[in-house]
């Protein structure tokens, strides 16, 4: 029985927002009630899905399913360059509409008809733009005060995505990382503030940490930062890296304050090609108001007979993804997104529960706040195991699944985990198939007579570090 409180199946219900996708595939008896043709087709199609398809890649956050109309629309516009605004003026208008909708989704206080934001190739470029804006604002303020501006820094947890390392290197801005620990698995506000000084351009909390799927507490950071700025006279803002959570929280937990409702949140970036439900590559960045987007970033270019105003790290960019995003906003609406994200969460919770009940595994966190989670080998089980999660990853690949195994960030890098990301296109039936393959793989691995090379290497590494993991 479905627990999705947001929608009841109807003719307008998206396939992956339907209650049927939460139920196991019929096995012993035919269903009592009929199923819409589109849903029945999808369920049977999933059972016979070729093993090499992208939807079996549970490692990626990237959208691997869009409906036929979205795909048709994007294919029709694949040759359109977004920057050619003279030739394709309506694309620019549609882009502005998308920015408006996302800004309002994040509770923007801006009253202008067109909200302040930019389209990006992905969340990486969107993060870069948010970071550059914070740096230029800080630099201008330091200049006006007659103070040096040659040693900027920003603060982020060690669970950062690699784009922030690139940002630090490319713009020569020191990245100060707050270590994650088992006791503090997300960014600790006080620890973050202890790293801040007059040269800090911003603090970057993450909604949907890539490594763990957890959310940083932006509200607690904002409250602590408000007191810190008042005490020190600094003006340190927050840029929220909401690559994943930016399209989850507004639909599933709208009362959660992490966005522009908070005083020091001046910019937010997200990925349209993740839980924005658009094929890659697409990102968005929005500022609280136009005053927070430095004029140096807004380039006016005479191009093909018109003055083009552009914010971005590159010039040409595809229009197809922008139209795909606008289509999804129209097609799904708020309730459609809500249904799909809720189903993804329920399926993720189901997988989380099932894996947590396996003797050999232990979930990293008790609850999940995004449709992804990680787990590790039960320490008691691991003592006698002849295999590692890397071996399990290889076994699952034999059946076409991509479920990654990796070590956690610095300071807890001795912990090897696996991760599942549940996206639109992942049904309960697919997860059941994965779990069956996983259980069978464990049975086969447990029959090994000798430790695998990865087990030997992992044991040696842990002995050298003198660390035995318990949680």
Protein backbone atom coordinates (compact mmCIF):
# COMPACT_ATOMS: atom_id res chain seq x y z
CA UNK A 1 0.00 0.00 0.00
CA UNK A 2 1.42 3.40 -0.95
CA UNK A 3 2.34 6.01 1.66
CA UNK A 4 2.56 8.76 -0.94
CA UNK A 5 0.34 11.44 0.58
CA UNK A 6 0.81 13.85 -2.28
CA UNK A 7 -1.15 12.28 -5.11
CA UNK A 8 -3.72 9.69 -6.09
CA UNK A 9 -3.37 7.99 -9.45
CA UNK A 10 -5.32 9.59 -12.27
CA UNK A 11 -4.98 10.00 -16.01
CA UNK A 12 -2.63 12.94 -15.38
CA UNK A 13 -0.39 11.11 -12.91
CA UNK A 14 3.24 10.84 -14.11
CA UNK A 15 4.31 7.22 -14.61
CA UNK A 16 6.98 7.37 -11.92
CA UNK A 17 4.68 9.30 -9.60
CA UNK A 18 2.05 6.54 -9.70
CA UNK A 19 1.26 4.26 -6.77
CA UNK A 20 1.84 1.20 -8.95
CA UNK A 21 5.55 2.00 -9.11
CA UNK A 22 5.75 1.57 -5.34
CA UNK A 23 4.39 -1.99 -5.48
CA UNK A 24 6.34 -5.18 -6.17
CA UNK A 25 5.79 -6.80 -9.55
CA UNK A 26 2.84 -9.26 -9.57
CA UNK A 27 4.11 -12.80 -9.02
CA UNK A 28 1.44 -15.25 -7.82
CA UNK A 29 -1.88 -13.61 -8.59
CA UNK A 30 -3.01 -11.15 -11.21
CA UNK A 31 -3.70 -7.67 -9.80
CA UNK A 32 -7.25 -7.08 -8.61
CA UNK A 33 -7.58 -3.81 -10.49
CA UNK A 34 -6.47 -2.69 -13.93
CA UNK A 35 -3.33 -0.64 -14.54
CA UNK A 36 -2.97 2.27 -17.00
CA UNK A 37 -1.35 1.07 -20.23
CA UNK A 38 1.63 3.41 -19.93
CA UNK A 39 2.37 2.15 -16.42
CA UNK A 40 1.89 -1.52 -17.32
CA UNK A 41 4.22 -1.07 -20.30
CA UNK A 42 6.87 0.53 -18.10
CA UNK A 43 6.70 -2.27 -15.52
CA UNK A 44 7.08 -5.03 -18.12
CA UNK A 45 9.74 -3.03 -19.95
CA UNK A 46 11.71 -2.73 -16.70
CA UNK A 47 11.65 -6.51 -16.21
CA UNK A 48 13.30 -7.08 -19.58
CA UNK A 49 15.47 -3.99 -19.56
CA UNK A 50 18.82 -4.49 -21.32
CA UNK A 51 21.57 -4.83 -18.72
CA UNK A 52 23.72 -2.01 -20.05
CA UNK A 53 21.18 0.80 -19.90
CA UNK A 54 21.94 4.06 -18.01
CA UNK A 55 19.01 3.54 -15.63
CA UNK A 56 20.90 0.62 -14.06
CA UNK A 57 23.61 3.09 -13.11
CA UNK A 58 22.70 3.78 -9.48
CA UNK A 59 25.98 5.64 -9.03
CA UNK A 60 25.01 8.69 -11.06
CA UNK A 61 22.83 11.57 -9.95
CA UNK A 62 22.16 12.46 -13.58
CA UNK A 63 18.67 12.09 -15.04
CA UNK A 64 18.37 9.01 -17.23
CA UNK A 65 14.63 9.12 -17.98
CA UNK A 66 12.41 11.75 -19.59
CA UNK A 67 9.09 11.09 -21.29
CA UNK A 68 8.68 10.88 -25.07
CA UNK A 69 7.44 14.45 -25.47
CA UNK A 70 10.36 15.91 -23.53
CA UNK A 71 12.77 13.81 -25.55
CA UNK A 72 11.08 14.87 -28.79
CA UNK A 73 11.19 18.54 -27.83
CA UNK A 74 14.87 18.37 -26.90
CA UNK A 75 15.76 16.49 -30.06
CA UNK A 76 14.00 19.16 -32.12
CA UNK A 77 16.07 21.90 -30.47
CA UNK A 78 19.40 20.09 -30.32
CA UNK A 79 20.85 22.41 -32.98
CA UNK A 80 19.88 25.64 -31.22
CA UNK A 81 22.62 27.67 -29.54
CA UNK A 82 21.10 29.49 -26.58
CA UNK A 83 23.39 32.49 -26.96
CA UNK A 84 21.93 33.34 -30.39
CA UNK A 85 19.21 35.48 -28.82
CA UNK A 86 18.62 37.47 -32.01
CA UNK A 87 17.71 34.31 -33.92
CA UNK A 88 15.97 32.55 -31.01
CA UNK A 89 14.55 35.31 -28.75
CA UNK A 90 11.88 33.09 -27.19
CA UNK A 91 14.50 30.73 -25.79
CA UNK A 92 15.90 33.62 -23.72
CA UNK A 93 12.40 34.40 -22.47
CA UNK A 94 11.84 30.75 -21.53
CA UNK A 95 15.18 30.72 -19.69
CA UNK A 96 14.06 33.78 -17.70
CA UNK A 97 10.80 32.04 -16.85
CA UNK A 98 12.71 29.02 -15.53
CA UNK A 99 14.87 31.29 -13.35
CA UNK A 100 11.72 32.98 -12.01
CA UNK A 101 10.14 29.64 -11.13
CA UNK A 102 13.27 28.33 -9.41
CA UNK A 103 13.79 31.59 -7.50
CA UNK A 104 10.21 31.48 -6.23
CA UNK A 105 10.62 27.80 -5.38
CA UNK A 106 13.45 28.95 -3.10
CA UNK A 107 11.35 31.78 -1.61
CA UNK A 108 13.12 34.72 -3.21
CA UNK A 109 12.30 38.11 -1.68
CA UNK A 110 13.10 39.89 -4.99
CA UNK A 111 10.13 41.87 -6.29
CA UNK A 112 11.37 42.51 -9.85
CA UNK A 113 9.47 40.84 -12.68
CA UNK A 114 12.61 38.98 -13.76
CA UNK A 115 14.56 37.42 -10.92
CA UNK A 116 18.35 37.48 -10.80
CA UNK A 117 19.93 34.22 -11.90
CA UNK A 118 21.77 32.42 -14.65
CA UNK A 119 21.65 29.17 -16.59
CA UNK A 120 24.74 26.96 -16.47
CA UNK A 121 26.01 23.83 -18.17
CA UNK A 122 25.71 21.98 -14.85
CA UNK A 123 25.82 22.59 -11.11
CA UNK A 124 29.62 22.87 -11.35
CA UNK A 125 29.44 26.03 -13.45
CA UNK A 126 26.59 27.27 -11.25
CA UNK A 127 28.77 26.78 -8.13
CA UNK A 128 31.62 28.62 -9.83
CA UNK A 129 29.36 31.59 -10.62
CA UNK A 130 28.08 31.74 -7.05
CA UNK A 131 31.64 31.57 -5.72
CA UNK A 132 32.98 34.21 -8.13
CA UNK A 133 30.15 36.60 -7.19
CA UNK A 134 30.97 36.21 -3.48
CA UNK A 135 34.67 36.80 -4.20
CA UNK A 136 34.06 39.93 -6.28
CA UNK A 137 31.68 41.40 -3.68
CA UNK A 138 34.27 40.77 -0.94
CA UNK A 139 37.07 42.21 -3.10
CA UNK A 140 35.11 45.39 -3.85
CA UNK A 141 34.28 45.85 -0.17
CA UNK A 142 37.94 45.41 0.85
CA UNK A 143 39.02 47.94 -1.80
CA UNK A 144 36.48 50.50 -0.59
CA UNK A 145 37.82 50.09 2.97
CA UNK A 146 41.42 50.46 1.82
CA UNK A 147 42.30 46.94 3.00
CA UNK A 148 44.33 44.22 1.24
CA UNK A 149 42.41 41.77 -0.91
CA UNK A 150 45.10 39.30 -1.94
CA UNK A 151 44.30 36.43 0.45
CA UNK A 152 40.66 35.41 0.03
CA UNK A 153 39.33 32.14 1.47
CA UNK A 154 36.06 30.24 1.72
CA UNK A 155 34.88 27.59 4.19
CA UNK A 156 33.24 24.28 3.30
CA UNK A 157 33.05 20.76 4.75
CA UNK A 158 35.42 18.02 3.61
CA UNK A 159 32.39 16.47 1.91
CA UNK A 160 32.68 18.99 -0.92
CA UNK A 161 32.24 18.13 -4.59
CA UNK A 162 35.38 18.47 -6.72
CA UNK A 163 34.15 21.68 -8.38
CA UNK A 164 35.03 23.60 -5.22
CA UNK A 165 38.60 22.38 -5.40
CA UNK A 166 38.69 23.55 -9.02
CA UNK A 167 37.22 26.91 -7.98
CA UNK A 168 39.93 27.34 -5.35
CA UNK A 169 42.72 26.52 -7.79
CA UNK A 170 41.45 28.50 -10.75
CA UNK A 171 40.79 31.70 -8.81
CA UNK A 172 43.57 31.19 -6.24
CA UNK A 173 41.22 31.28 -3.29
CA UNK A 174 42.14 29.28 -0.21
CA UNK A 175 39.69 26.47 0.54
CA UNK A 176 39.36 25.83 4.26
CA UNK A 177 37.71 22.49 4.93
CA UNK A 178 35.86 21.50 8.08
CA UNK A 179 36.55 17.78 8.70
CA UNK A 180 33.63 15.39 8.79
CA UNK A 181 33.64 12.78 11.54
CA UNK A 182 31.36 9.94 12.59
CA UNK A 183 30.08 12.20 15.37
CA UNK A 184 29.71 15.19 13.02
CA UNK A 185 28.74 13.77 9.60
CA UNK A 186 27.67 17.20 8.28
CA UNK A 187 29.08 20.73 8.45
CA UNK A 188 29.30 21.91 12.06
CA UNK A 189 28.45 25.61 12.31
CA UNK A 190 30.82 26.45 15.14
CA UNK A 191 33.68 24.55 13.53
CA UNK A 192 33.03 26.44 10.30
CA UNK A 193 33.05 29.82 12.03
CA UNK A 194 36.34 29.01 13.78
CA UNK A 195 37.91 28.98 10.31
CA UNK A 196 36.42 32.32 9.23
CA UNK A 197 38.23 35.64 9.29
CA UNK A 198 38.17 39.02 7.55
CA UNK A 199 39.29 37.36 4.30
CA UNK A 200 36.44 34.82 4.15
CA UNK A 201 34.31 35.44 1.06
CA UNK A 202 31.56 32.98 2.04
CA UNK A 203 30.66 29.75 3.81
CA UNK A 204 29.30 26.95 1.60
CA UNK A 205 26.85 24.47 3.16
CA UNK A 206 25.72 21.55 1.00
CA UNK A 207 22.18 20.24 0.60
CA UNK A 208 22.67 16.64 -0.49
CA UNK A 209 26.31 15.84 0.23
CA UNK A 210 27.62 13.70 -2.65
CA UNK A 211 29.47 11.33 -0.32
CA UNK A 212 26.63 10.60 2.11
CA UNK A 213 23.36 12.11 0.86
CA UNK A 214 22.97 14.12 4.08
CA UNK A 215 22.12 17.83 4.38
CA UNK A 216 24.13 20.49 6.16
CA UNK A 217 22.15 22.53 8.69
CA UNK A 218 21.92 25.87 6.89
CA UNK A 219 19.51 27.36 9.43
CA UNK A 220 21.92 26.70 12.32
CA UNK A 221 24.80 28.10 10.27
CA UNK A 222 22.80 31.23 9.42
CA UNK A 223 21.94 31.84 13.06
CA UNK A 224 25.52 31.34 14.22
CA UNK A 225 26.86 33.47 11.36
CA UNK A 226 24.50 36.31 12.24
CA UNK A 227 25.96 36.51 15.74
CA UNK A 228 29.48 36.10 14.39
CA UNK A 229 29.13 38.91 11.85
CA UNK A 230 27.59 41.23 14.44
CA UNK A 231 30.41 40.53 16.90
CA UNK A 232 33.28 40.84 14.40
CA UNK A 233 31.90 43.45 12.02
CA UNK A 234 32.44 41.05 9.13
CA UNK A 235 29.90 40.59 6.37
CA UNK A 236 30.37 36.89 5.54
CA UNK A 237 27.49 35.45 3.46
CA UNK A 238 26.31 31.94 2.61
CA UNK A 239 26.26 30.31 -0.80
CA UNK A 240 24.21 27.10 -0.71
CA UNK A 241 25.41 24.27 -2.94
CA UNK A 242 22.02 22.65 -3.46
CA UNK A 243 22.97 20.53 -6.48
CA UNK A 244 20.69 17.74 -5.25
CA UNK A 245 18.59 19.12 -2.40
CA UNK A 246 17.47 22.22 -4.30
CA UNK A 247 14.90 20.13 -6.17
CA UNK A 248 14.01 17.87 -3.22
CA UNK A 249 13.35 20.02 -0.15
CA UNK A 250 10.92 22.53 -1.74
CA UNK A 251 8.61 19.64 -2.67
CA UNK A 252 8.98 17.26 0.26
CA UNK A 253 9.75 19.58 3.18
CA UNK A 254 8.64 23.10 2.18
CA UNK A 255 8.68 24.38 5.78
CA UNK A 256 12.39 23.56 6.13
CA UNK A 257 14.25 26.90 6.11
CA UNK A 258 17.49 26.55 4.18
CA UNK A 259 16.93 29.00 1.31
CA UNK A 260 16.41 32.76 0.79
CA UNK A 261 14.21 32.93 3.88
CA UNK A 262 17.48 32.97 5.82
CA UNK A 263 19.27 36.30 6.27
CA UNK A 264 22.76 35.42 5.07
CA UNK A 265 21.86 33.12 2.17
CA UNK A 266 22.66 35.35 -0.81
CA UNK A 267 22.97 32.75 -3.58
CA UNK A 268 21.96 29.16 -4.30
CA UNK A 269 23.06 26.79 -7.06
CA UNK A 270 21.45 23.56 -8.22
CA UNK A 271 21.59 20.97 -10.96
CA UNK A 272 18.73 20.82 -13.42
CA UNK A 273 20.03 17.52 -14.75
CA UNK A 274 19.82 15.79 -11.38
CA UNK A 275 16.59 16.00 -9.44
CA UNK A 276 15.49 18.80 -11.77
CA UNK A 277 14.66 15.81 -14.01
CA UNK A 278 16.35 17.02 -17.22
CA UNK A 279 18.95 15.23 -19.33
CA UNK A 280 22.50 16.61 -18.90
CA UNK A 281 23.92 19.16 -18.84
CA UNK A 282 22.01 21.89 -17.03
CA UNK A 283 22.56 23.94 -13.91
CA UNK A 284 21.01 27.03 -12.34
CA UNK A 285 22.23 29.72 -9.95
CA UNK A 286 20.01 32.36 -8.34
CA UNK A 287 20.93 35.41 -6.27
CA UNK A 288 18.77 36.90 -3.53
CA UNK A 289 18.59 40.21 -5.39
CA UNK A 290 20.30 41.91 -8.31
CA UNK A 291 22.58 43.85 -5.94
CA UNK A 292 24.39 40.59 -5.11
CA UNK A 293 25.36 39.88 -8.73
CA UNK A 294 28.48 42.01 -9.39
CA UNK A 295 28.23 44.10 -12.53
CA UNK A 296 31.59 42.70 -13.69
CA UNK A 297 29.94 39.31 -14.20
CA UNK A 298 27.21 40.63 -16.46
CA UNK A 299 28.84 40.84 -19.88
CA UNK A 300 27.20 42.85 -22.65
CA UNK A 301 28.35 41.64 -26.05
CA UNK A 302 27.48 42.85 -29.56
CA UNK A 303 26.75 39.53 -31.21
CA UNK A 304 24.96 38.84 -34.48
CA UNK A 305 23.40 42.29 -34.57
CA UNK A 306 22.26 42.57 -30.97
CA UNK A 307 23.61 43.44 -27.55
CA UNK A 308 23.59 40.20 -25.55
CA UNK A 309 23.74 40.32 -21.76
CA UNK A 310 25.29 37.10 -20.50
CA UNK A 311 26.39 35.65 -17.16
CA UNK A 312 28.50 32.52 -17.51
CA UNK A 313 31.95 31.02 -17.73
CA UNK A 314 31.48 30.05 -21.37
CA UNK A 315 29.59 31.59 -24.27
CA UNK A 316 27.82 29.01 -26.44
CA UNK A 317 25.54 26.61 -24.64
CA UNK A 318 22.71 24.26 -25.63
CA UNK A 319 19.12 25.48 -25.67
CA UNK A 320 17.63 21.97 -25.60
CA UNK A 321 18.10 21.48 -21.86
CA UNK A 322 16.50 24.85 -21.09
CA UNK A 323 13.44 23.91 -23.12
CA UNK A 324 13.47 20.49 -21.44
CA UNK A 325 13.41 22.15 -18.01
CA UNK A 326 10.54 24.43 -18.98
CA UNK A 327 8.65 21.44 -20.39
CA UNK A 328 9.07 19.54 -17.12
CA UNK A 329 7.83 22.53 -15.12
CA UNK A 330 4.71 22.72 -17.31
CA UNK A 331 4.15 18.98 -17.70
CA UNK A 332 4.68 17.96 -14.09
CA UNK A 333 3.78 21.09 -12.16
CA UNK A 334 4.48 21.35 -8.46
CA UNK A 335 2.33 18.31 -7.64
CA UNK A 336 3.96 16.17 -10.33
CA UNK A 337 7.44 16.95 -9.03
CA UNK A 338 6.18 16.29 -5.52
CA UNK A 339 4.84 12.85 -6.49
CA UNK A 340 8.02 11.83 -8.31
CA UNK A 341 10.37 13.02 -5.57
CA UNK A 342 8.19 11.37 -2.91
CA UNK A 343 8.25 8.07 -4.80
CA UNK A 344 12.03 8.31 -5.14
CA UNK A 345 12.28 8.88 -1.39
CA UNK A 346 9.99 5.95 -0.57
CA UNK A 347 11.91 3.61 -2.86
CA UNK A 348 15.19 4.82 -1.33
CA UNK A 349 13.81 4.21 2.17
CA UNK A 350 12.73 0.73 1.14
CA UNK A 351 16.21 -0.09 -0.21
CA UNK A 352 17.76 1.49 2.91
CA UNK A 353 15.65 -0.74 5.15
CA UNK A 354 16.31 -3.91 3.16
CA UNK A 355 20.08 -3.39 3.03
CA UNK A 356 20.17 -2.44 6.70
CA UNK A 357 18.53 -5.77 7.57
CA UNK A 358 21.26 -7.78 5.83
CA UNK A 359 23.65 -9.29 8.36
CA UNK A 360 26.76 -8.22 6.47
CA UNK A 361 25.86 -4.53 6.13
CA UNK A 362 25.18 -1.53 8.30
CA UNK A 363 23.62 1.75 7.16
CA UNK A 364 25.72 4.87 7.69
CA UNK A 365 22.78 6.91 8.95
CA UNK A 366 19.53 5.93 10.62
CA UNK A 367 17.38 8.13 8.39
CA UNK A 368 17.73 9.55 4.90
CA UNK A 369 16.86 13.10 3.81
CA UNK A 370 17.49 12.77 0.06
CA UNK A 371 16.83 9.81 -2.29
CA UNK A 372 20.32 8.40 -1.75
CA UNK A 373 22.19 6.70 1.06
CA UNK A 374 25.38 4.84 1.90
CA UNK A 375 26.25 1.72 3.89
CA UNK A 376 29.36 -0.16 4.98
CA UNK A 377 30.24 -3.69 6.05
CA UNK A 378 29.15 -4.66 9.54
CA UNK A 379 32.41 -4.57 11.58
CA UNK A 380 31.57 -7.88 13.29
CA UNK A 381 30.94 -9.49 9.90
CA UNK A 382 33.97 -7.86 8.32
CA UNK A 383 36.38 -9.50 10.78
CA UNK A 384 36.03 -12.86 9.04
CA UNK A 385 35.05 -11.71 5.56
CA UNK A 386 37.26 -12.67 2.63
CA UNK A 387 35.85 -9.92 0.42
CA UNK A 388 35.23 -6.19 0.40
CA UNK A 389 32.62 -3.86 -0.98
CA UNK A 390 34.84 -3.40 -4.03
CA UNK A 391 34.34 -7.09 -4.76
CA UNK A 392 30.59 -6.70 -4.36
CA UNK A 393 30.67 -3.78 -6.80
CA UNK A 394 32.38 -6.02 -9.37
CA UNK A 395 29.86 -8.83 -8.85
CA UNK A 396 26.93 -6.47 -9.35
CA UNK A 397 28.50 -5.15 -12.54
CA UNK A 398 28.22 -8.66 -13.97
CA UNK A 399 24.45 -8.13 -13.93
CA UNK A 400 24.72 -4.63 -15.38
CA UNK A 401 24.38 -2.67 -12.12
CA UNK A 402 26.69 0.20 -11.27
CA UNK A 403 26.70 0.61 -7.49
CA UNK A 404 29.90 2.39 -6.46
CA UNK A 405 32.21 1.52 -3.57
CA UNK A 406 34.55 4.24 -2.32
CA UNK A 407 36.26 5.64 0.75
CA UNK A 408 34.87 8.62 2.64
CA UNK A 409 36.65 12.03 2.77
CA UNK A 410 39.82 12.86 4.68
CA UNK A 411 39.74 12.10 8.40
CA UNK A 412 37.36 9.14 7.89
CA UNK A 413 39.00 7.83 4.73
CA UNK A 414 39.50 4.38 6.27
CA UNK A 415 35.76 3.74 5.90
CA UNK A 416 34.71 2.02 2.66
CA UNK A 417 31.06 2.51 1.72
CA UNK A 418 28.63 1.83 -1.11
CA UNK A 419 25.97 4.23 -2.37
CA UNK A 420 22.64 4.05 -4.14
CA UNK A 421 21.02 7.07 -5.81
CA UNK A 422 17.31 6.65 -6.56
CA UNK A 423 16.15 8.84 -9.44
CA UNK A 424 13.06 9.13 -11.62
CA UNK A 425 13.17 5.93 -13.62
CA UNK A 426 13.97 3.72 -10.63
CA UNK A 427 10.98 1.60 -9.65
CA UNK A 428 10.40 -0.70 -6.67
CA UNK A 429 10.64 -3.66 -9.02
CA UNK A 430 14.10 -2.59 -10.23
CA UNK A 431 15.28 -2.27 -6.62
CA UNK A 432 13.94 -5.75 -5.86
CA UNK A 433 15.98 -7.10 -8.78
CA UNK A 434 19.06 -5.30 -7.48
CA UNK A 435 18.54 -6.66 -3.96
CA UNK A 436 18.15 -10.21 -5.30
CA UNK A 437 21.39 -9.84 -7.26
CA UNK A 438 23.09 -8.39 -4.18
CA UNK A 439 22.01 -11.26 -1.92
CA UNK A 440 23.15 -13.82 -4.47
CA UNK A 441 26.49 -12.01 -4.85
CA UNK A 442 27.03 -12.12 -1.08
CA UNK A 443 26.31 -15.87 -1.03
CA UNK A 444 28.91 -16.43 -3.75
CA UNK A 445 31.49 -14.17 -2.11
CA UNK A 446 31.02 -15.89 1.26
CA UNK A 447 31.99 -19.21 -0.37
CA UNK A 448 35.48 -17.94 -1.25
CA UNK A 449 38.28 -20.01 0.29
CA UNK A 450 40.90 -17.26 0.23
CA UNK A 451 40.78 -13.49 0.74
CA UNK A 452 40.44 -11.43 -2.42
CA UNK A 453 43.27 -9.03 -3.39
CA UNK A 454 41.13 -6.08 -2.31
CA UNK A 455 40.54 -7.70 1.12
CA UNK A 456 44.26 -8.31 1.60
CA UNK A 457 45.04 -4.71 0.60
CA UNK A 458 42.30 -3.26 2.80
CA UNK A 459 43.39 -5.27 5.85
CA UNK A 460 47.00 -4.19 5.32
CA UNK A 461 45.99 -0.55 4.99
CA UNK A 462 43.93 -0.62 8.18
CA UNK A 463 46.72 -2.35 10.10
CA UNK A 464 49.23 0.27 8.98
CA UNK A 465 46.94 3.08 10.09
CA UNK A 466 46.21 1.27 13.33
CA UNK A 467 42.54 1.96 12.85
CA UNK A 468 39.69 -0.47 13.30
CA UNK A 469 36.37 0.99 12.25
CA UNK A 470 33.45 0.73 14.64
CA UNK A 471 30.25 2.69 14.43
